[in-house]
Each structure stands twice: as structure tokens, then as C-alpha cells.
Protein backbone atom coordinates (compact mmCIF):
# COMPACT_ATOMS: atom_id res chain seq x y z
CA MET A 1 10.70 -19.04 -21.42
CA ILE A 2 7.82 -20.95 -19.83
CA ARG A 3 4.20 -19.98 -20.46
CA ASP A 4 1.03 -21.04 -18.69
CA GLU A 5 -2.51 -19.68 -18.79
CA LYS A 6 -1.89 -16.55 -16.68
CA HIS A 7 1.84 -15.87 -16.52
CA THR A 8 4.93 -15.81 -18.66
CA ILE A 9 8.01 -16.90 -16.76
CA SER A 10 11.33 -15.70 -18.10
CA ASN A 11 14.35 -17.66 -16.95
CA ASP A 12 17.11 -15.37 -18.21
CA GLY A 13 19.22 -15.30 -15.06
CA ASP A 14 19.46 -17.10 -11.76
CA THR A 15 15.91 -16.40 -10.60
CA PRO A 16 12.80 -16.76 -12.73
CA ARG A 17 10.73 -13.60 -13.20
CA VAL A 18 7.00 -13.48 -13.67
CA LYS A 19 5.71 -10.89 -16.13
CA ARG A 20 2.33 -9.55 -15.09
CA GLY A 21 -0.34 -8.33 -17.44
CA LYS A 22 -1.25 -4.71 -18.05
CA ALA A 23 -4.61 -5.07 -16.29
CA ARG A 24 -2.94 -6.15 -13.06
CA SER A 25 -0.46 -3.28 -13.20
CA PHE A 26 -3.27 -0.82 -13.90
CA ALA A 27 -5.26 -2.15 -10.94
CA TRP A 28 -2.24 -1.73 -8.66
CA VAL A 29 -1.70 1.87 -9.79
CA LEU A 30 -5.42 2.62 -9.43
CA VAL A 31 -5.53 1.31 -5.84
CA LEU A 32 -2.37 3.27 -4.99
CA ALA A 33 -3.85 6.49 -6.43
CA ILE A 34 -7.10 6.02 -4.50
CA GLY A 35 -5.13 5.46 -1.29
CA VAL A 36 -3.03 8.60 -1.80
CA ALA A 37 -6.17 10.62 -2.57
CA LEU A 38 -7.92 9.41 0.59
CA ILE A 39 -4.87 10.18 2.74
CA ALA A 40 -4.67 13.68 1.24
CA LEU A 41 -8.40 14.19 1.88
CA GLY A 42 -7.99 13.15 5.51
CA ILE A 43 -5.07 15.53 6.00
CA ALA A 44 -7.02 18.38 4.37
CA GLN A 45 -9.95 17.81 6.75
CA GLY A 46 -7.69 17.83 9.81
CA ASP A 47 -8.15 14.17 10.68
CA MET A 48 -4.41 13.69 11.00
CA LEU A 49 -4.28 15.83 14.14
CA ASP A 50 -7.15 13.93 15.76
CA THR A 51 -5.50 10.61 15.02
CA TRP A 52 -2.16 11.86 16.36
CA ARG A 53 -3.77 13.05 19.60
CA LYS A 54 -5.59 9.75 20.14
CA ALA A 55 -2.45 7.75 19.41
CA SER A 56 -0.33 9.77 21.83
CA LEU A 57 -2.96 9.49 24.58
CA ILE A 58 -3.11 5.73 24.16
CA CYS A 59 0.68 5.51 24.37
CA TYR A 60 0.76 7.66 27.51
CA GLU A 61 -1.91 5.46 29.11
CA CYS A 62 0.06 2.32 28.27
CA ILE A 63 3.19 3.51 30.05
CA GLY A 64 1.26 4.95 32.99
CA ILE A 65 1.72 8.70 32.42
CA GLY A 66 -1.74 9.70 31.20
């Protein structure tokens, strides 16, 4: 096992693994939860339909249909 200031590297198998701290894992989960909440808020407000319409119009314009 190799240790430096920020990481602990475990060399149990073929590839070394880096163990991350609890603060980093918590930050990742927090950002994921905020992202899911914002996506749900956008869907609840009907923004998904607007985005879908704009995206399909752009695609139709690109291929010459719209």
C-alpha cells in the first residue's frame, strides 16, 4: 500500500486502485442529486417538450425537410 498526501493506493491485484476520501464522494453524490432535481424540475415545467420541438426542427432543417 502506497500513501501520499491526498490518496491511498492499494496494489492488491494487477491494477492499483485509488481510494478517495469521504468528502469527494459526498461532493459527487451532491452534484448528482442537484442535477437530477433540476432535470425533474424542467420536466415538471414542460421544458422537455420545448427542447424536443426545437431539436427536431433543427434536425429537419439540417437534412432539408423543414
